[in-house]
Amino acid sequence: WGLLPLIAREELGMGASGYGVLLAALGVGAIVGALLMPRVRVRF
């Protein structure tokens, strides 16, 4: 969360929109995780 802007700009050569895509990937994963949570709570 603290260094992702630098990863986007310096390591991956991405601009502001690309940084938004990387954060969107985090958000997509979180939403998938939330949908799986009821099953995970039962099985693990």
PDB file of all heavy atoms in Angstrom:
ATOM      1  N   TRP A   1       0.827  -1.210   0.000  1.00  0.00           N
ATOM      2  CA  TRP A   1       0.000   0.000   0.000  1.00  0.00           C
ATOM      3  C   TRP A   1       0.862   1.261   0.000  1.00  0.00           C
ATOM      4  O   TRP A   1       0.495   2.266  -0.613  1.00  0.00           O
ATOM      5  CB  TRP A   1      -0.936   0.001   1.210  1.00  0.00           C
ATOM      6  CG  TRP A   1      -1.801  -1.219   1.271  1.00  0.00           C
ATOM      7  CD1 TRP A   1      -1.690  -2.272   2.132  1.00  0.00           C
ATOM      8  CD2 TRP A   1      -2.902  -1.514   0.413  1.00  0.00           C
ATOM      9  NE1 TRP A   1      -2.659  -3.197   1.863  1.00  0.00           N
ATOM     10  CE2 TRP A   1      -3.416  -2.773   0.823  1.00  0.00           C
ATOM     11  CE3 TRP A   1      -3.507  -0.850  -0.660  1.00  0.00           C
ATOM     12  CZ2 TRP A   1      -4.509  -3.367   0.201  1.00  0.00           C
ATOM     13  CZ3 TRP A   1      -4.600  -1.452  -1.277  1.00  0.00           C
ATOM     14  CH2 TRP A   1      -5.084  -2.693  -0.845  1.00  0.00           C
ATOM     15  N   GLY A   2       1.994   1.224   0.675  1.00  0.00           N
ATOM     16  CA  GLY A   2       2.815   2.421   0.778  1.00  0.00           C
ATOM     17  C   GLY A   2       3.693   2.689  -0.436  1.00  0.00           C
ATOM     18  O   GLY A   2       3.970   3.841  -0.757  1.00  0.00           O
ATOM     19  N   LEU A   3       4.118   1.614  -1.124  1.00  0.00           N
ATOM     20  CA  LEU A   3       5.121   1.788  -2.189  1.00  0.00           C
ATOM     21  C   LEU A   3       4.610   1.413  -3.578  1.00  0.00           C
ATOM     22  O   LEU A   3       5.380   1.462  -4.540  1.00  0.00           O
ATOM     23  CB  LEU A   3       6.369   0.953  -1.861  1.00  0.00           C
ATOM     24  CG  LEU A   3       7.105   1.356  -0.576  1.00  0.00           C
ATOM     25  CD1 LEU A   3       8.244   0.386  -0.287  1.00  0.00           C
ATOM     26  CD2 LEU A   3       7.632   2.782  -0.663  1.00  0.00           C
ATOM     27  N   LEU A   4       3.350   1.073  -3.695  1.00  0.00           N
ATOM     28  CA  LEU A   4       2.838   0.670  -4.999  1.00  0.00           C
ATOM     29  C   LEU A   4       2.957   1.771  -6.061  1.00  0.00           C
ATOM     30  O   LEU A   4       3.211   1.455  -7.234  1.00  0.00           O
ATOM     31  CB  LEU A   4       1.382   0.199  -4.874  1.00  0.00           C
ATOM     32  CG  LEU A   4       0.843  -0.579  -6.077  1.00  0.00           C
ATOM     33  CD1 LEU A   4       1.697  -1.805  -6.364  1.00  0.00           C
ATOM     34  CD2 LEU A   4      -0.613  -0.982  -5.832  1.00  0.00           C
ATOM     35  N   PRO A   5       2.789   3.057  -5.722  1.00  0.00           N
ATOM     36  CA  PRO A   5       2.993   4.080  -6.763  1.00  0.00           C
ATOM     37  C   PRO A   5       4.390   4.027  -7.370  1.00  0.00           C
ATOM     38  O   PRO A   5       4.565   4.230  -8.582  1.00  0.00           O
ATOM     39  CB  PRO A   5       2.754   5.403  -6.010  1.00  0.00           C
ATOM     40  CG  PRO A   5       1.912   5.037  -4.843  1.00  0.00           C
ATOM     41  CD  PRO A   5       2.348   3.668  -4.450  1.00  0.00           C
ATOM     42  N   LEU A   6       5.391   3.744  -6.533  1.00  0.00           N
ATOM     43  CA  LEU A   6       6.755   3.676  -7.041  1.00  0.00           C
ATOM     44  C   LEU A   6       6.977   2.409  -7.866  1.00  0.00           C
ATOM     45  O   LEU A   6       7.715   2.430  -8.855  1.00  0.00           O
ATOM     46  CB  LEU A   6       7.752   3.739  -5.886  1.00  0.00           C
ATOM     47  CG  LEU A   6       7.754   5.058  -5.108  1.00  0.00           C
ATOM     48  CD1 LEU A   6       8.700   4.969  -3.927  1.00  0.00           C
ATOM     49  CD2 LEU A   6       8.142   6.208  -6.019  1.00  0.00           C
ATOM     50  N   ILE A   7       6.362   1.310  -7.457  1.00  0.00           N
ATOM     51  CA  ILE A   7       6.432   0.085  -8.257  1.00  0.00           C
ATOM     52  C   ILE A   7       5.845   0.355  -9.645  1.00  0.00           C
ATOM     53  O   ILE A   7       6.410  -0.039 -10.679  1.00  0.00           O
ATOM     54  CB  ILE A   7       5.686  -1.066  -7.568  1.00  0.00           C
ATOM     55  CG1 ILE A   7       6.447  -1.519  -6.316  1.00  0.00           C
ATOM     56  CG2 ILE A   7       5.456  -2.237  -8.515  1.00  0.00           C
ATOM     57  CD1 ILE A   7       7.765  -2.201  -6.623  1.00  0.00           C
ATOM     58  N   ALA A   8       4.699   1.049  -9.680  1.00  0.00           N
ATOM     59  CA  ALA A   8       4.047   1.345 -10.956  1.00  0.00           C
ATOM     60  C   ALA A   8       4.937   2.212 -11.836  1.00  0.00           C
ATOM     61  O   ALA A   8       5.118   1.928 -13.033  1.00  0.00           O
ATOM     62  CB  ALA A   8       2.705   2.040 -10.711  1.00  0.00           C
ATOM     63  N   ARG A   9       5.519   3.256 -11.262  1.00  0.00           N
ATOM     64  CA  ARG A   9       6.265   4.229 -12.075  1.00  0.00           C
ATOM     65  C   ARG A   9       7.686   3.766 -12.391  1.00  0.00           C
ATOM     66  O   ARG A   9       8.136   3.831 -13.537  1.00  0.00           O
ATOM     67  CB  ARG A   9       6.308   5.584 -11.367  1.00  0.00           C
ATOM     68  CG  ARG A   9       6.908   6.705 -12.219  1.00  0.00           C
ATOM     69  CD  ARG A   9       6.722   8.050 -11.550  1.00  0.00           C
ATOM     70  NE  ARG A   9       7.547   8.196 -10.374  1.00  0.00           N
ATOM     71  CZ  ARG A   9       8.767   8.741 -10.361  1.00  0.00           C
ATOM     72  NH1 ARG A   9       9.313   9.151 -11.491  1.00  0.00           N
ATOM     73  NH2 ARG A   9       9.445   8.857  -9.243  1.00  0.00           N
ATOM     74  N   GLU A  10       8.418   3.264 -11.366  1.00  0.00           N
ATOM     75  CA  GLU A  10       9.839   2.989 -11.553  1.00  0.00           C
ATOM     76  C   GLU A  10      10.124   1.566 -12.032  1.00  0.00           C
ATOM     77  O   GLU A  10      11.004   1.356 -12.859  1.00  0.00           O
ATOM     78  CB  GLU A  10      10.591   3.256 -10.244  1.00  0.00           C
ATOM     79  CG  GLU A  10      10.523   4.713  -9.803  1.00  0.00           C
ATOM     80  CD  GLU A  10      11.307   4.973  -8.533  1.00  0.00           C
ATOM     81  OE1 GLU A  10      12.024   4.055  -8.070  1.00  0.00           O
ATOM     82  OE2 GLU A  10      11.188   6.103  -7.990  1.00  0.00           O
ATOM     83  N   GLU A  11       9.399   0.592 -11.524  1.00  0.00           N
ATOM     84  CA  GLU A  11       9.671  -0.798 -11.882  1.00  0.00           C
ATOM     85  C   GLU A  11       8.905  -1.250 -13.121  1.00  0.00           C
ATOM     86  O   GLU A  11       9.394  -2.048 -13.905  1.00  0.00           O
ATOM     87  CB  GLU A  11       9.336  -1.716 -10.695  1.00  0.00           C
ATOM     88  CG  GLU A  11      10.178  -1.455  -9.460  1.00  0.00           C
ATOM     89  CD  GLU A  11      11.638  -1.803  -9.674  1.00  0.00           C
ATOM     90  OE1 GLU A  11      11.927  -2.877 -10.229  1.00  0.00           O
ATOM     91  OE2 GLU A  11      12.500  -0.977  -9.292  1.00  0.00           O
ATOM     92  N   LEU A  12       7.657  -0.753 -13.263  1.00  0.00           N
ATOM     93  CA  LEU A  12       6.805  -1.233 -14.357  1.00  0.00           C
ATOM     94  C   LEU A  12       6.579  -0.182 -15.439  1.00  0.00           C
ATOM     95  O   LEU A  12       5.943  -0.479 -16.458  1.00  0.00           O
ATOM     96  CB  LEU A  12       5.453  -1.699 -13.790  1.00  0.00           C
ATOM     97  CG  LEU A  12       5.523  -2.802 -12.718  1.00  0.00           C
ATOM     98  CD1 LEU A  12       4.134  -3.129 -12.201  1.00  0.00           C
ATOM     99  CD2 LEU A  12       6.204  -4.047 -13.266  1.00  0.00           C
ATOM    100  N   GLY A  13       7.046   1.051 -15.232  1.00  0.00           N
ATOM    101  CA  GLY A  13       6.897   2.105 -16.235  1.00  0.00           C
ATOM    102  C   GLY A  13       5.462   2.474 -16.524  1.00  0.00           C
ATOM    103  O   GLY A  13       5.100   2.771 -17.670  1.00  0.00           O
ATOM    104  N   MET A  14       4.610   2.512 -15.496  1.00  0.00           N
ATOM    105  CA  MET A  14       3.186   2.808 -15.663  1.00  0.00           C
ATOM    106  C   MET A  14       2.888   4.200 -15.136  1.00  0.00           C
ATOM    107  O   MET A  14       3.530   4.681 -14.199  1.00  0.00           O
ATOM    108  CB  MET A  14       2.331   1.763 -14.924  1.00  0.00           C
ATOM    109  CG  MET A  14       2.619   0.332 -15.369  1.00  0.00           C
ATOM    110  SD  MET A  14       1.834  -0.917 -14.318  1.00  0.00           S
ATOM    111  CE  MET A  14       0.166  -0.888 -14.966  1.00  0.00           C
ATOM    112  N   GLY A  15       1.874   4.851 -15.719  1.00  0.00           N
ATOM    113  CA  GLY A  15       1.455   6.168 -15.279  1.00  0.00           C
ATOM    114  C   GLY A  15       0.340   6.095 -14.255  1.00  0.00           C
ATOM    115  O   GLY A  15       0.092   5.051 -13.636  1.00  0.00           O
ATOM    116  N   ALA A  16      -0.388   7.211 -14.087  1.00  0.00           N
ATOM    117  CA  ALA A  16      -1.459   7.271 -13.083  1.00  0.00           C
ATOM    118  C   ALA A  16      -2.549   6.246 -13.375  1.00  0.00           C
ATOM    119  O   ALA A  16      -3.061   5.579 -12.466  1.00  0.00           O
ATOM    120  CB  ALA A  16      -2.059   8.679 -13.057  1.00  0.00           C
ATOM    121  N   SER A  17      -2.917   6.090 -14.630  1.00  0.00           N
ATOM    122  CA  SER A  17      -3.958   5.112 -14.980  1.00  0.00           C
ATOM    123  C   SER A  17      -3.488   3.696 -14.692  1.00  0.00           C
ATOM    124  O   SER A  17      -4.257   2.855 -14.201  1.00  0.00           O
ATOM    125  CB  SER A  17      -4.336   5.254 -16.453  1.00  0.00           C
ATOM    126  OG  SER A  17      -4.866   6.534 -16.719  1.00  0.00           O
ATOM    127  N   GLY A  18      -2.213   3.401 -14.979  1.00  0.00           N
ATOM    128  CA  GLY A  18      -1.673   2.079 -14.686  1.00  0.00           C
ATOM    129  C   GLY A  18      -1.649   1.796 -13.194  1.00  0.00           C
ATOM    130  O   GLY A  18      -1.919   0.664 -12.756  1.00  0.00           O
ATOM    131  N   TYR A  19      -1.323   2.828 -12.403  1.00  0.00           N
ATOM    132  CA  TYR A  19      -1.372   2.679 -10.942  1.00  0.00           C
ATOM    133  C   TYR A  19      -2.779   2.329 -10.498  1.00  0.00           C
ATOM    134  O   TYR A  19      -2.984   1.457  -9.639  1.00  0.00           O
ATOM    135  CB  TYR A  19      -0.888   3.984 -10.300  1.00  0.00           C
ATOM    136  CG  TYR A  19      -1.044   4.062  -8.805  1.00  0.00           C
ATOM    137  CD1 TYR A  19      -0.657   3.024  -7.982  1.00  0.00           C
ATOM    138  CD2 TYR A  19      -1.574   5.208  -8.219  1.00  0.00           C
ATOM    139  CE1 TYR A  19      -0.800   3.115  -6.598  1.00  0.00           C
ATOM    140  CE2 TYR A  19      -1.711   5.322  -6.850  1.00  0.00           C
ATOM    141  CZ  TYR A  19      -1.323   4.262  -6.041  1.00  0.00           C
ATOM    142  OH  TYR A  19      -1.472   4.359  -4.686  1.00  0.00           O
ATOM    143  N   GLY A  20      -3.765   2.970 -11.113  1.00  0.00           N
ATOM    144  CA  GLY A  20      -5.155   2.645 -10.803  1.00  0.00           C
ATOM    145  C   GLY A  20      -5.484   1.204 -11.148  1.00  0.00           C
ATOM    146  O   GLY A  20      -6.226   0.536 -10.407  1.00  0.00           O
ATOM    147  N   VAL A  21      -4.926   0.691 -12.237  1.00  0.00           N
ATOM    148  CA  VAL A  21      -5.161  -0.712 -12.616  1.00  0.00           C
ATOM    149  C   VAL A  21      -4.588  -1.659 -11.559  1.00  0.00           C
ATOM    150  O   VAL A  21      -5.218  -2.663 -11.190  1.00  0.00           O
ATOM    151  CB  VAL A  21      -4.552  -1.006 -14.001  1.00  0.00           C
ATOM    152  CG1 VAL A  21      -4.553  -2.508 -14.294  1.00  0.00           C
ATOM    153  CG2 VAL A  21      -5.321  -0.266 -15.086  1.00  0.00           C
ATOM    154  N   LEU A  22      -3.390  -1.354 -11.060  1.00  0.00           N
ATOM    155  CA  LEU A  22      -2.780  -2.206 -10.034  1.00  0.00           C
ATOM    156  C   LEU A  22      -3.623  -2.213  -8.756  1.00  0.00           C
ATOM    157  O   LEU A  22      -3.839  -3.275  -8.147  1.00  0.00           O
ATOM    158  CB  LEU A  22      -1.363  -1.733  -9.725  1.00  0.00           C
ATOM    159  CG  LEU A  22      -0.347  -1.848 -10.867  1.00  0.00           C
ATOM    160  CD1 LEU A  22       1.029  -1.378 -10.394  1.00  0.00           C
ATOM    161  CD2 LEU A  22      -0.266  -3.269 -11.402  1.00  0.00           C
ATOM    162  N   LEU A  23      -4.105  -1.048  -8.358  1.00  0.00           N
ATOM    163  CA  LEU A  23      -4.968  -1.005  -7.181  1.00  0.00           C
ATOM    164  C   LEU A  23      -6.298  -1.704  -7.450  1.00  0.00           C
ATOM    165  O   LEU A  23      -6.880  -2.328  -6.559  1.00  0.00           O
ATOM    166  CB  LEU A  23      -5.198   0.445  -6.755  1.00  0.00           C
ATOM    167  CG  LEU A  23      -4.040   1.085  -5.980  1.00  0.00           C
ATOM    168  CD1 LEU A  23      -4.285   2.562  -5.783  1.00  0.00           C
ATOM    169  CD2 LEU A  23      -3.833   0.407  -4.641  1.00  0.00           C
ATOM    170  N   ALA A  24      -6.781  -1.610  -8.672  1.00  0.00           N
ATOM    171  CA  ALA A  24      -8.006  -2.325  -9.027  1.00  0.00           C
ATOM    172  C   ALA A  24      -7.805  -3.827  -8.903  1.00  0.00           C
ATOM    173  O   ALA A  24      -8.722  -4.559  -8.497  1.00  0.00           O
ATOM    174  CB  ALA A  24      -8.437  -1.959 -10.443  1.00  0.00           C
ATOM    175  N   ALA A  25      -6.605  -4.321  -9.239  1.00  0.00           N
ATOM    176  CA  ALA A  25      -6.315  -5.745  -9.080  1.00  0.00           C
ATOM    177  C   ALA A  25      -6.424  -6.159  -7.613  1.00  0.00           C
ATOM    178  O   ALA A  25      -6.971  -7.223  -7.283  1.00  0.00           O
ATOM    179  CB  ALA A  25      -4.922  -6.067  -9.623  1.00  0.00           C
ATOM    180  N   LEU A  26      -5.906  -5.320  -6.723  1.00  0.00           N
ATOM    181  CA  LEU A  26      -6.070  -5.589  -5.294  1.00  0.00           C
ATOM    182  C   LEU A  26      -7.550  -5.646  -4.919  1.00  0.00           C
ATOM    183  O   LEU A  26      -7.993  -6.524  -4.171  1.00  0.00           O
ATOM    184  CB  LEU A  26      -5.370  -4.504  -4.479  1.00  0.00           C
ATOM    185  CG  LEU A  26      -3.844  -4.572  -4.375  1.00  0.00           C
ATOM    186  CD1 LEU A  26      -3.296  -3.259  -3.861  1.00  0.00           C
ATOM    187  CD2 LEU A  26      -3.434  -5.711  -3.451  1.00  0.00           C
ATOM    188  N   GLY A  27      -8.320  -4.700  -5.448  1.00  0.00           N
ATOM    189  CA  GLY A  27      -9.742  -4.657  -5.144  1.00  0.00           C
ATOM    190  C   GLY A  27     -10.488  -5.869  -5.666  1.00  0.00           C
ATOM    191  O   GLY A  27     -11.361  -6.420  -4.992  1.00  0.00           O
ATOM    192  N   VAL A  28     -10.162  -6.309  -6.873  1.00  0.00           N
ATOM    193  CA  VAL A  28     -10.808  -7.494  -7.447  1.00  0.00           C
ATOM    194  C   VAL A  28     -10.521  -8.718  -6.579  1.00  0.00           C
ATOM    195  O   VAL A  28     -11.413  -9.522  -6.274  1.00  0.00           O
ATOM    196  CB  VAL A  28     -10.324  -7.724  -8.889  1.00  0.00           C
ATOM    197  CG1 VAL A  28     -10.762  -9.102  -9.398  1.00  0.00           C
ATOM    198  CG2 VAL A  28     -10.874  -6.637  -9.803  1.00  0.00           C
ATOM    199  N   GLY A  29      -9.263  -8.880  -6.172  1.00  0.00           N
ATOM    200  CA  GLY A  29      -8.920  -9.997  -5.299  1.00  0.00           C
ATOM    201  C   GLY A  29      -9.688  -9.959  -3.995  1.00  0.00           C
ATOM    202  O   GLY A  29     -10.145 -10.994  -3.497  1.00  0.00           O
ATOM    203  N   ALA A  30      -9.838  -8.767  -3.441  1.00  0.00           N
ATOM    204  CA  ALA A  30     -10.563  -8.631  -2.180  1.00  0.00           C
ATOM    205  C   ALA A  30     -12.033  -9.005  -2.341  1.00  0.00           C
ATOM    206  O   ALA A  30     -12.618  -9.655  -1.462  1.00  0.00           O
ATOM    207  CB  ALA A  30     -10.432  -7.202  -1.666  1.00  0.00           C
ATOM    208  N   ILE A  31     -12.631  -8.609  -3.437  1.00  0.00           N
ATOM    209  CA  ILE A  31     -14.040  -8.936  -3.659  1.00  0.00           C
ATOM    210  C   ILE A  31     -14.214 -10.444  -3.829  1.00  0.00           C
ATOM    211  O   ILE A  31     -15.139 -11.058  -3.273  1.00  0.00           O
ATOM    212  CB  ILE A  31     -14.570  -8.175  -4.881  1.00  0.00           C
ATOM    213  CG1 ILE A  31     -14.596  -6.674  -4.577  1.00  0.00           C
ATOM    214  CG2 ILE A  31     -15.968  -8.649  -5.262  1.00  0.00           C
ATOM    215  CD1 ILE A  31     -14.820  -5.805  -5.792  1.00  0.00           C
ATOM    216  N   VAL A  32     -13.301 -11.071  -4.578  1.00  0.00           N
ATOM    217  CA  VAL A  32     -13.349 -12.530  -4.728  1.00  0.00           C
ATOM    218  C   VAL A  32     -13.196 -13.197  -3.357  1.00  0.00           C
ATOM    219  O   VAL A  32     -13.912 -14.146  -3.019  1.00  0.00           O
ATOM    220  CB  VAL A  32     -12.247 -13.010  -5.689  1.00  0.00           C
ATOM    221  CG1 VAL A  32     -12.157 -14.535  -5.690  1.00  0.00           C
ATOM    222  CG2 VAL A  32     -12.520 -12.507  -7.102  1.00  0.00           C
ATOM    223  N   GLY A  33     -12.282 -12.685  -2.554  1.00  0.00           N
ATOM    224  CA  GLY A  33     -12.095 -13.232  -1.212  1.00  0.00           C
ATOM    225  C   GLY A  33     -13.338 -13.110  -0.358  1.00  0.00           C
ATOM    226  O   GLY A  33     -13.687 -14.034   0.381  1.00  0.00           O
ATOM    227  N   ALA A  34     -14.027 -11.969  -0.443  1.00  0.00           N
ATOM    228  CA  ALA A  34     -15.246 -11.770   0.335  1.00  0.00           C
ATOM    229  C   ALA A  34     -16.333 -12.762  -0.082  1.00  0.00           C
ATOM    230  O   ALA A  34     -17.067 -13.289   0.751  1.00  0.00           O
ATOM    231  CB  ALA A  34     -15.737 -10.341   0.171  1.00  0.00           C
ATOM    232  N   LEU A  35     -16.431 -13.026  -1.390  1.00  0.00           N
ATOM    233  CA  LEU A  35     -17.425 -13.978  -1.875  1.00  0.00           C
ATOM    234  C   LEU A  35     -17.104 -15.404  -1.423  1.00  0.00           C
ATOM    235  O   LEU A  35     -18.011 -16.223  -1.224  1.00  0.00           O
ATOM    236  CB  LEU A  35     -17.501 -13.918  -3.402  1.00  0.00           C
ATOM    237  CG  LEU A  35     -18.003 -12.595  -3.991  1.00  0.00           C
ATOM    238  CD1 LEU A  35     -17.927 -12.622  -5.500  1.00  0.00           C
ATOM    239  CD2 LEU A  35     -19.423 -12.300  -3.527  1.00  0.00           C
ATOM    240  N   LEU A  36     -15.818 -15.709  -1.263  1.00  0.00           N
ATOM    241  CA  LEU A  36     -15.423 -17.046  -0.832  1.00  0.00           C
ATOM    242  C   LEU A  36     -15.464 -17.220   0.681  1.00  0.00           C
ATOM    243  O   LEU A  36     -15.409 -18.357   1.172  1.00  0.00           O
ATOM    244  CB  LEU A  36     -13.996 -17.344  -1.323  1.00  0.00           C
ATOM    245  CG  LEU A  36     -13.805 -17.485  -2.845  1.00  0.00           C
ATOM    246  CD1 LEU A  36     -12.325 -17.662  -3.149  1.00  0.00           C
ATOM    247  CD2 LEU A  36     -14.612 -18.657  -3.380  1.00  0.00           C
ATOM    248  N   MET A  37     -15.556 -16.119   1.435  1.00  0.00           N
ATOM    249  CA  MET A  37     -15.448 -16.185   2.887  1.00  0.00           C
ATOM    250  C   MET A  37     -16.430 -17.141   3.549  1.00  0.00           C
ATOM    251  O   MET A  37     -16.044 -17.903   4.453  1.00  0.00           O
ATOM    252  CB  MET A  37     -15.578 -14.791   3.492  1.00  0.00           C
ATOM    253  CG  MET A  37     -14.265 -14.052   3.608  1.00  0.00           C
ATOM    254  SD  MET A  37     -13.038 -14.891   4.637  1.00  0.00           S
ATOM    255  CE  MET A  37     -13.793 -14.740   6.249  1.00  0.00           C
ATOM    256  N   PRO A  38     -17.735 -17.153   3.191  1.00  0.00           N
ATOM    257  CA  PRO A  38     -18.641 -18.092   3.866  1.00  0.00           C
ATOM    258  C   PRO A  38     -18.183 -19.543   3.752  1.00  0.00           C
ATOM    259  O   PRO A  38     -18.244 -20.295   4.728  1.00  0.00           O
ATOM    260  CB  PRO A  38     -19.982 -17.857   3.145  1.00  0.00           C
ATOM    261  CG  PRO A  38     -19.898 -16.455   2.648  1.00  0.00           C
ATOM    262  CD  PRO A  38     -18.463 -16.262   2.266  1.00  0.00           C
ATOM    263  N   ARG A  39     -17.712 -19.944   2.578  1.00  0.00           N
ATOM    264  CA  ARG A  39     -17.231 -21.322   2.405  1.00  0.00           C
ATOM    265  C   ARG A  39     -15.932 -21.554   3.177  1.00  0.00           C
ATOM    266  O   ARG A  39     -15.728 -22.621   3.771  1.00  0.00           O
ATOM    267  CB  ARG A  39     -17.005 -21.603   0.927  1.00  0.00           C
ATOM    268  CG  ARG A  39     -18.283 -21.576   0.084  1.00  0.00           C
ATOM    269  CD  ARG A  39     -17.968 -21.853  -1.372  1.00  0.00           C
ATOM    270  NE  ARG A  39     -19.159 -21.726  -2.206  1.00  0.00           N
ATOM    271  CZ  ARG A  39     -19.161 -21.869  -3.531  1.00  0.00           C
ATOM    272  NH1 ARG A  39     -18.016 -22.128  -4.161  1.00  0.00           N
ATOM    273  NH2 ARG A  39     -20.287 -21.732  -4.210  1.00  0.00           N
ATOM    274  N   VAL A  40     -15.064 -20.549   3.153  1.00  0.00           N
ATOM    275  CA  VAL A  40     -13.787 -20.697   3.858  1.00  0.00           C
ATOM    276  C   VAL A  40     -14.025 -20.833   5.361  1.00  0.00           C
ATOM    277  O   VAL A  40     -13.361 -21.649   6.038  1.00  0.00           O
ATOM    278  CB  VAL A  40     -12.879 -19.488   3.552  1.00  0.00           C
ATOM    279  CG1 VAL A  40     -11.630 -19.506   4.437  1.00  0.00           C
ATOM    280  CG2 VAL A  40     -12.469 -19.499   2.081  1.00  0.00           C
ATOM    281  N   ARG A  41     -14.945 -20.080   5.906  1.00  0.00           N
ATOM    282  CA  ARG A  41     -15.246 -20.146   7.341  1.00  0.00           C
ATOM    283  C   ARG A  41     -15.740 -21.526   7.742  1.00  0.00           C
ATOM    284  O   ARG A  41     -15.484 -21.988   8.850  1.00  0.00           O
ATOM    285  CB  ARG A  41     -16.284 -19.095   7.731  1.00  0.00           C
ATOM    286  CG  ARG A  41     -15.764 -17.670   7.687  1.00  0.00           C
ATOM    287  CD  ARG A  41     -16.824 -16.678   8.138  1.00  0.00           C
ATOM    288  NE  ARG A  41     -17.102 -16.800   9.551  1.00  0.00           N
ATOM    289  CZ  ARG A  41     -18.265 -17.165  10.077  1.00  0.00           C
ATOM    290  NH1 ARG A  41     -19.279 -17.446   9.295  1.00  0.00           N
ATOM    291  NH2 ARG A  41     -18.432 -17.238  11.371  1.00  0.00           N
ATOM    292  N   VAL A  42     -16.473 -22.187   6.851  1.00  0.00           N
ATOM    293  CA  VAL A  42     -16.996 -23.516   7.145  1.00  0.00           C
ATOM    294  C   VAL A  42     -15.914 -24.583   7.021  1.00  0.00           C
ATOM    295  O   VAL A  42     -15.822 -25.507   7.845  1.00  0.00           O
ATOM    296  CB  VAL A  42     -18.186 -23.844   6.208  1.00  0.00           C
ATOM    297  CG1 VAL A  42     -18.608 -25.305   6.353  1.00  0.00           C
ATOM    298  CG2 VAL A  42     -19.360 -22.925   6.505  1.00  0.00           C
ATOM    299  N   ARG A  43     -15.050 -24.465   6.012  1.00  0.00           N
ATOM    300  CA  ARG A  43     -14.104 -25.536   5.693  1.00  0.00           C
ATOM    301  C   ARG A  43     -12.793 -25.441   6.472  1.00  0.00           C
ATOM    302  O   ARG A  43     -12.110 -26.447   6.663  1.00  0.00           O
ATOM    303  CB  ARG A  43     -13.795 -25.531   4.198  1.00  0.00           C
ATOM    304  CG  ARG A  43     -14.989 -25.890   3.324  1.00  0.00           C
ATOM    305  CD  ARG A  43     -14.585 -26.046   1.870  1.00  0.00           C
ATOM    306  NE  ARG A  43     -13.581 -27.096   1.696  1.00  0.00           N
ATOM    307  CZ  ARG A  43     -13.031 -27.398   0.524  1.00  0.00           C
ATOM    308  NH1 ARG A  43     -13.370 -26.722  -0.564  1.00  0.00           N
ATOM    309  NH2 ARG A  43     -12.130 -28.366   0.442  1.00  0.00           N
ATOM    310  N   PHE A  44     -12.414 -24.235   6.887  1.00  0.00           N
ATOM    311  CA  PHE A  44     -11.108 -24.062   7.523  1.00  0.00           C
ATOM    312  C   PHE A  44     -11.256 -23.403   8.885  1.00  0.00           C
ATOM    313  O   PHE A  44     -12.039 -22.472   9.064  1.00  0.00           O
ATOM    314  CB  PHE A  44     -10.181 -23.211   6.644  1.00  0.00           C
ATOM    315  CG  PHE A  44      -9.887 -23.817   5.298  1.00  0.00           C
ATOM    316  CD1 PHE A  44     -10.589 -23.403   4.181  1.00  0.00           C
ATOM    317  CD2 PHE A  44      -8.916 -24.791   5.166  1.00  0.00           C
ATOM    318  CE1 PHE A  44     -10.330 -23.953   2.941  1.00  0.00           C
ATOM    319  CE2 PHE A  44      -8.645 -25.349   3.931  1.00  0.00           C
ATOM    320  CZ  PHE A  44      -9.356 -24.937   2.815  1.00  0.00           C
TER     321      PHE A  44
END
